[in-house]
PDB file of N, CA and C in Angstrom:
ATOM      1  N   MET A   1       0.713  -1.323  -0.036  1.00  0.00           N
ATOM      2  CA  MET A   1       0.103  -0.135   0.045  1.00  0.00           C
ATOM      3  C   MET A   1       0.893   1.412   0.202  1.00  0.00           C
ATOM      4  N   ASP A   2       0.396   2.135  -0.803  1.00  0.00           N
ATOM      5  CA  ASP A   2       1.341   3.699  -0.858  1.00  0.00           C
ATOM      6  C   ASP A   2       0.650   4.050   0.636  1.00  0.00           C
ATOM      7  N   GLU A   3       1.811   4.164   1.326  1.00  0.00           N
ATOM      8  CA  GLU A   3       0.912   5.265   2.735  1.00  0.00           C
ATOM      9  C   GLU A   3       0.280   7.024   2.007  1.00  0.00           C
ATOM     10  N   GLU A   4       1.491   7.541   1.222  1.00  0.00           N
ATOM     11  CA  GLU A   4       0.885   8.758   0.989  1.00  0.00           C
ATOM     12  C   GLU A   4      -0.207   8.785   0.194  1.00  0.00           C
ATOM     13  N   ARG A   5      -0.195   7.669  -0.720  1.00  0.00           N
ATOM     14  CA  ARG A   5      -1.710   8.130  -1.423  1.00  0.00           C
ATOM     15  C   ARG A   5      -3.025   7.814  -0.491  1.00  0.00           C
ATOM     16  N   PHE A   6      -2.462   6.891   0.341  1.00  0.00           N
ATOM     17  CA  PHE A   6      -3.721   6.280   1.069  1.00  0.00           C
ATOM     18  C   PHE A   6      -4.149   7.685   2.270  1.00  0.00           C
ATOM     19  N   ASN A   7      -2.810   8.653   3.027  1.00  0.00           N
ATOM     20  CA  ASN A   7      -3.380   9.515   3.556  1.00  0.00           C
ATOM     21  C   ASN A   7      -3.639  10.321   2.596  1.00  0.00           C
ATOM     22  N   MET A   8      -3.439  10.937   1.613  1.00  0.00           N
ATOM     23  CA  MET A   8      -4.175  11.888   0.580  1.00  0.00           C
ATOM     24  C   MET A   8      -5.685  11.584   0.383  1.00  0.00           C
ATOM     25  N   SER A   9      -5.680  10.235   0.257  1.00  0.00           N
ATOM     26  CA  SER A   9      -7.258   9.658  -0.081  1.00  0.00           C
ATOM     27  C   SER A   9      -8.230   9.722   1.129  1.00  0.00           C
ATOM     28  N   LEU A  10      -7.427   9.630   2.282  1.00  0.00           N
ATOM     29  CA  LEU A  10      -8.526   9.445   3.464  1.00  0.00           C
ATOM     30  C   LEU A  10      -8.747  11.111   4.304  1.00  0.00           C
ATOM     31  N   ARG A  11      -7.821  11.769   3.371  1.00  0.00           N
ATOM     32  CA  ARG A  11      -8.078  13.628   4.115  1.00  0.00           C
ATOM     33  C   ARG A  11      -9.221  14.325   3.089  1.00  0.00           C
ATOM     34  N   LYS A  12      -8.996  13.481   1.575  1.00  0.00           N
ATOM     35  CA  LYS A  12     -10.245  14.193   0.706  1.00  0.00           C
ATOM     36  C   LYS A  12     -11.450  13.182   1.374  1.00  0.00           C
ATOM     37  N   PHE A  13     -11.600  12.681   1.790  1.00  0.00           N
ATOM     38  CA  PHE A  13     -12.574  11.934   1.724  1.00  0.00           C
ATOM     39  C   PHE A  13     -13.192  12.832   2.980  1.00  0.00           C
ATOM     40  N   LEU A  14     -12.289  12.694   4.148  1.00  0.00           N
ATOM     41  CA  LEU A  14     -12.830  13.553   5.749  1.00  0.00           C
ATOM     42  C   LEU A  14     -13.250  14.812   5.230  1.00  0.00           C
ATOM     43  N   LYS A  15     -12.493  15.348   4.535  1.00  0.00           N
ATOM     44  CA  LYS A  15     -12.807  16.987   4.239  1.00  0.00           C
ATOM     45  C   LYS A  15     -14.055  16.881   3.650  1.00  0.00           C
ATOM     46  N   GLN A  16     -14.525  16.498   2.664  1.00  0.00           N
ATOM     47  CA  GLN A  16     -15.526  15.930   2.012  1.00  0.00           C
ATOM     48  C   GLN A  16     -16.999  16.016   3.146  1.00  0.00           C
ATOM     49  N   VAL A  17     -16.875  14.877   3.846  1.00  0.00           N
ATOM     50  CA  VAL A  17     -17.223  14.287   4.858  1.00  0.00           C
ATOM     51  C   VAL A  17     -18.145  15.526   5.824  1.00  0.00           C
ATOM     52  N   GLY A  18     -16.741  16.778   6.527  1.00  0.00           N
ATOM     53  CA  GLY A  18     -16.739  17.443   7.187  1.00  0.00           C
ATOM     54  C   GLY A  18     -17.589  18.676   6.519  1.00  0.00           C
ATOM     55  N   VAL A  19     -17.341  19.294   5.503  1.00  0.00           N
ATOM     56  CA  VAL A  19     -17.687  20.346   4.210  1.00  0.00           C
ATOM     57  C   VAL A  19     -19.164  19.695   4.217  1.00  0.00           C
ATOM     58  N   THR A  20     -19.579  19.019   3.660  1.00  0.00           N
ATOM     59  CA  THR A  20     -20.972  18.503   3.455  1.00  0.00           C
ATOM     60  C   THR A  20     -21.828  18.310   4.349  1.00  0.00           C
ATOM     61  N   SER A  21     -21.240  17.718   5.711  1.00  0.00           N
ATOM     62  CA  SER A  21     -22.194  17.687   6.853  1.00  0.00           C
ATOM     63  C   SER A  21     -22.226  19.300   7.515  1.00  0.00           C
ATOM     64  N   GLN A  22     -21.311  19.749   7.465  1.00  0.00           N
ATOM     65  CA  GLN A  22     -21.474  21.389   7.657  1.00  0.00           C
ATOM     66  C   GLN A  22     -22.275  21.686   7.105  1.00  0.00           C
ATOM     67  N   ARG A  23     -22.714  21.633   6.101  1.00  0.00           N
ATOM     68  CA  ARG A  23     -23.547  22.200   4.861  1.00  0.00           C
ATOM     69  C   ARG A  23     -25.075  21.841   5.222  1.00  0.00           C
ATOM     70  N   GLU A  24     -25.110  20.820   5.293  1.00  0.00           N
ATOM     71  CA  GLU A  24     -26.572  19.920   5.711  1.00  0.00           C
ATOM     72  C   GLU A  24     -27.196  20.743   7.301  1.00  0.00           C
ATOM     73  N   ILE A  25     -26.160  20.754   8.138  1.00  0.00           N
ATOM     74  CA  ILE A  25     -26.707  20.938   9.405  1.00  0.00           C
ATOM     75  C   ILE A  25     -27.065  22.640   9.486  1.00  0.00           C
ATOM     76  N   GLU A  26     -26.304  23.302   8.753  1.00  0.00           N
ATOM     77  CA  GLU A  26     -26.507  24.691   8.515  1.00  0.00           C
ATOM     78  C   GLU A  26     -27.842  24.872   8.000  1.00  0.00           C
ATOM     79  N   THR A  27     -27.857  24.050   7.061  1.00  0.00           N
ATOM     80  CA  THR A  27     -29.231  23.943   5.932  1.00  0.00           C
ATOM     81  C   THR A  27     -30.699  23.853   7.044  1.00  0.00           C
ATOM     82  N   VAL A  28     -30.571  22.664   7.995  1.00  0.00           N
ATOM     83  CA  VAL A  28     -31.938  22.472   8.982  1.00  0.00           C
ATOM     84  C   VAL A  28     -31.896  23.341   9.532  1.00  0.00           C
ATOM     85  N   VAL A  29     -30.656  24.042  10.294  1.00  0.00           N
ATOM     86  CA  VAL A  29     -30.656  24.841  11.365  1.00  0.00           C
ATOM     87  C   VAL A  29     -31.314  26.370  10.607  1.00  0.00           C
ATOM     88  N   ARG A  30     -30.952  26.444   9.570  1.00  0.00           N
ATOM     89  CA  ARG A  30     -31.635  28.172   8.686  1.00  0.00           C
ATOM     90  C   ARG A  30     -33.145  27.714   8.256  1.00  0.00           C
ATOM     91  N   GLU A  31     -33.380  26.400   7.958  1.00  0.00           N
ATOM     92  CA  GLU A  31     -34.961  26.141   7.888  1.00  0.00           C
ATOM     93  C   GLU A  31     -35.660  26.361   9.201  1.00  0.00           C
ATOM     94  N   GLY A  32     -35.295  26.228  10.090  1.00  0.00           N
ATOM     95  CA  GLY A  32     -36.036  26.234  11.653  1.00  0.00           C
ATOM     96  C   GLY A  32     -36.772  25.194  11.619  1.00  0.00           C
ATOM     97  N   LYS A  33     -35.659  24.178  11.275  1.00  0.00           N
ATOM     98  CA  LYS A  33     -36.572  22.676  11.500  1.00  0.00           C
ATOM     99  C   LYS A  33     -35.232  21.815  12.618  1.00  0.00           C
ATOM    100  N   ALA A  34     -34.550  22.680  13.072  1.00  0.00           N
ATOM    101  CA  ALA A  34     -33.924  21.977  14.442  1.00  0.00           C
ATOM    102  C   ALA A  34     -34.430  22.262  15.594  1.00  0.00           C
ATOM    103  N   GLY A  35     -35.812  23.247  16.126  1.00  0.00           N
ATOM    104  CA  GLY A  35     -35.783  23.732  17.244  1.00  0.00           C
ATOM    105  C   GLY A  35     -34.940  24.531  17.817  1.00  0.00           C
ATOM    106  N   GLY A  36     -34.865  24.494  19.016  1.00  0.00           N
ATOM    107  CA  GLY A  36     -34.075  25.317  19.645  1.00  0.00           C
ATOM    108  C   GLY A  36     -33.225  24.507  20.487  1.00  0.00           C
ATOM    109  N   GLY A  37     -32.409  25.303  21.686  1.00  0.00           N
ATOM    110  CA  GLY A  37     -31.390  24.893  22.308  1.00  0.00           C
ATOM    111  C   GLY A  37     -30.199  24.017  21.851  1.00  0.00           C
ATOM    112  N   LYS A  38     -30.238  22.931  22.017  1.00  0.00           N
ATOM    113  CA  LYS A  38     -29.067  21.842  21.484  1.00  0.00           C
ATOM    114  C   LYS A  38     -29.516  21.014  20.217  1.00  0.00           C
ATOM    115  N   LEU A  39     -29.069  20.954  18.944  1.00  0.00           N
ATOM    116  CA  LEU A  39     -29.153  20.137  18.100  1.00  0.00           C
ATOM    117  C   LEU A  39     -28.698  18.587  18.461  1.00  0.00           C
ATOM    118  N   LYS A  40     -29.177  17.171  18.765  1.00  0.00           N
ATOM    119  CA  LYS A  40     -28.401  16.222  18.967  1.00  0.00           C
ATOM    120  C   LYS A  40     -28.156  15.428  17.408  1.00  0.00           C
ATOM    121  N   VAL A  41     -26.771  15.281  17.459  1.00  0.00           N
ATOM    122  CA  VAL A  41     -26.544  14.780  16.358  1.00  0.00           C
ATOM    123  C   VAL A  41     -25.948  13.577  15.913  1.00  0.00           C
ATOM    124  N   ARG A  42     -25.947  12.460  15.192  1.00  0.00           N
ATOM    125  CA  ARG A  42     -24.935  11.547  14.999  1.00  0.00           C
ATOM    126  C   ARG A  42     -24.310  10.982  13.813  1.00  0.00           C
ATOM    127  N   VAL A  43     -23.462  10.488  13.857  1.00  0.00           N
ATOM    128  CA  VAL A  43     -22.574  10.117  12.895  1.00  0.00           C
ATOM    129  C   VAL A  43     -22.365   8.483  12.805  1.00  0.00           C
ATOM    130  N   VAL A  44     -22.757   8.147  11.556  1.00  0.00           N
ATOM    131  CA  VAL A  44     -22.618   6.451  11.579  1.00  0.00           C
ATOM    132  C   VAL A  44     -21.419   6.385  10.543  1.00  0.00           C
ATOM    133  N   LEU A  45     -20.167   5.627  11.130  1.00  0.00           N
ATOM    134  CA  LEU A  45     -19.196   5.374   9.906  1.00  0.00           C
ATOM    135  C   LEU A  45     -19.147   3.895   9.469  1.00  0.00           C
ATOM    136  N   THR A  46     -19.268   3.671   8.397  1.00  0.00           N
ATOM    137  CA  THR A  46     -19.424   2.128   7.941  1.00  0.00           C
ATOM    138  C   THR A  46     -18.523   2.124   6.760  1.00  0.00           C
ATOM    139  N   ALA A  47     -17.784   0.745   6.456  1.00  0.00           N
ATOM    140  CA  ALA A  47     -16.933   0.791   5.278  1.00  0.00           C
ATOM    141  C   ALA A  47     -17.493  -0.416   4.596  1.00  0.00           C
ATOM    142  N   GLU A  48     -17.985  -0.659   3.506  1.00  0.00           N
ATOM    143  CA  GLU A  48     -18.170  -1.839   2.793  1.00  0.00           C
ATOM    144  C   GLU A  48     -17.580  -3.008   3.017  1.00  0.00           C
ATOM    145  N   GLY A  49     -17.665  -4.058   3.376  1.00  0.00           N
ATOM    146  CA  GLY A  49     -16.846  -5.420   3.420  1.00  0.00           C
ATOM    147  C   GLY A  49     -16.291  -5.521   4.146  1.00  0.00           C
ATOM    148  N   THR A  50     -16.496  -4.764   5.482  1.00  0.00           N
ATOM    149  CA  THR A  50     -16.157  -4.911   6.587  1.00  0.00           C
ATOM    150  C   THR A  50     -16.960  -4.658   8.071  1.00  0.00           C
ATOM    151  N   ASP A  51     -16.328  -5.063   8.577  1.00  0.00           N
ATOM    152  CA  ASP A  51     -17.297  -5.026  10.228  1.00  0.00           C
ATOM    153  C   ASP A  51     -17.344  -3.357  10.902  1.00  0.00           C
ATOM    154  N   LEU A  52     -16.818  -2.972   9.986  1.00  0.00           N
ATOM    155  CA  LEU A  52     -16.671  -1.155  10.664  1.00  0.00           C
ATOM    156  C   LEU A  52     -17.833  -0.598  10.866  1.00  0.00           C
ATOM    157  N   ASN A  53     -18.068  -0.033  11.933  1.00  0.00           N
ATOM    158  CA  ASN A  53     -19.320   0.135  12.493  1.00  0.00           C
ATOM    159  C   ASN A  53     -19.171   1.162  13.630  1.00  0.00           C
ATOM    160  N   HIS A  54     -18.681   2.437  13.195  1.00  0.00           N
ATOM    161  CA  HIS A  54     -18.431   3.256  14.336  1.00  0.00           C
ATOM    162  C   HIS A  54     -19.369   4.284  14.505  1.00  0.00           C
ATOM    163  N   VAL A  55     -19.517   4.788  15.234  1.00  0.00           N
ATOM    164  CA  VAL A  55     -20.881   5.896  16.291  1.00  0.00           C
ATOM    165  C   VAL A  55     -20.344   6.840  16.954  1.00  0.00           C
ATOM    166  N   VAL A  56     -20.467   8.065  16.062  1.00  0.00           N
ATOM    167  CA  VAL A  56     -20.226   9.281  16.997  1.00  0.00           C
ATOM    168  C   VAL A  56     -21.465  10.405  17.402  1.00  0.00           C
ATOM    169  N   ASP A  57     -21.820  10.523  18.575  1.00  0.00           N
ATOM    170  CA  ASP A  57     -22.980  10.935  18.935  1.00  0.00           C
ATOM    171  C   ASP A  57     -22.583  12.396  19.855  1.00  0.00           C
ATOM    172  N   GLY A  58     -23.395  13.524  19.411  1.00  0.00           N
ATOM    173  CA  GLY A  58     -22.857  14.976  19.825  1.00  0.00           C
ATOM    174  C   GLY A  58     -23.926  16.108  20.130  1.00  0.00           C
ATOM    175  N   GLU A  59     -23.471  17.216  20.595  1.00  0.00           N
ATOM    176  CA  GLU A  59     -24.795  18.415  20.172  1.00  0.00           C
ATOM    177  C   GLU A  59     -23.930  19.471  19.775  1.00  0.00           C
ATOM    178  N   ILE A  60     -24.638  19.659  19.081  1.00  0.00           N
ATOM    179  CA  ILE A  60     -24.306  21.267  18.843  1.00  0.00           C
ATOM    180  C   ILE A  60     -25.293  22.427  19.451  1.00  0.00           C
ATOM    181  N   ASP A  61     -24.736  23.392  19.927  1.00  0.00           N
ATOM    182  CA  ASP A  61     -25.607  24.369  20.791  1.00  0.00           C
ATOM    183  C   ASP A  61     -26.213  25.470  19.970  1.00  0.00           C
ATOM    184  N   LEU A  62     -27.471  25.152  20.040  1.00  0.00           N
ATOM    185  CA  LEU A  62     -27.677  26.337  19.066  1.00  0.00           C
ATOM    186  C   LEU A  62     -28.415  27.886  19.582  1.00  0.00           C
ATOM    187  N   SER A  63     -27.971  27.964  20.817  1.00  0.00           N
ATOM    188  CA  SER A  63     -28.281  29.144  21.215  1.00  0.00           C
ATOM    189  C   SER A  63     -27.325  30.335  21.214  1.00  0.00           C
TER     190      SER A  63
END
């Protein structure tokens, strides 16, 4: 495995996840669909053909 190529590909994927996730959350908040106070969020990471199932739960303060 070419480690440099892997790292670049991984960073590209994570950047895409971060940018698109932020955009989607901002849209929900802007459209008033998030309510008030805190927005509970969850990210589930899976990888096809593996047993990877990583869950990250969090809250975003909307106040």
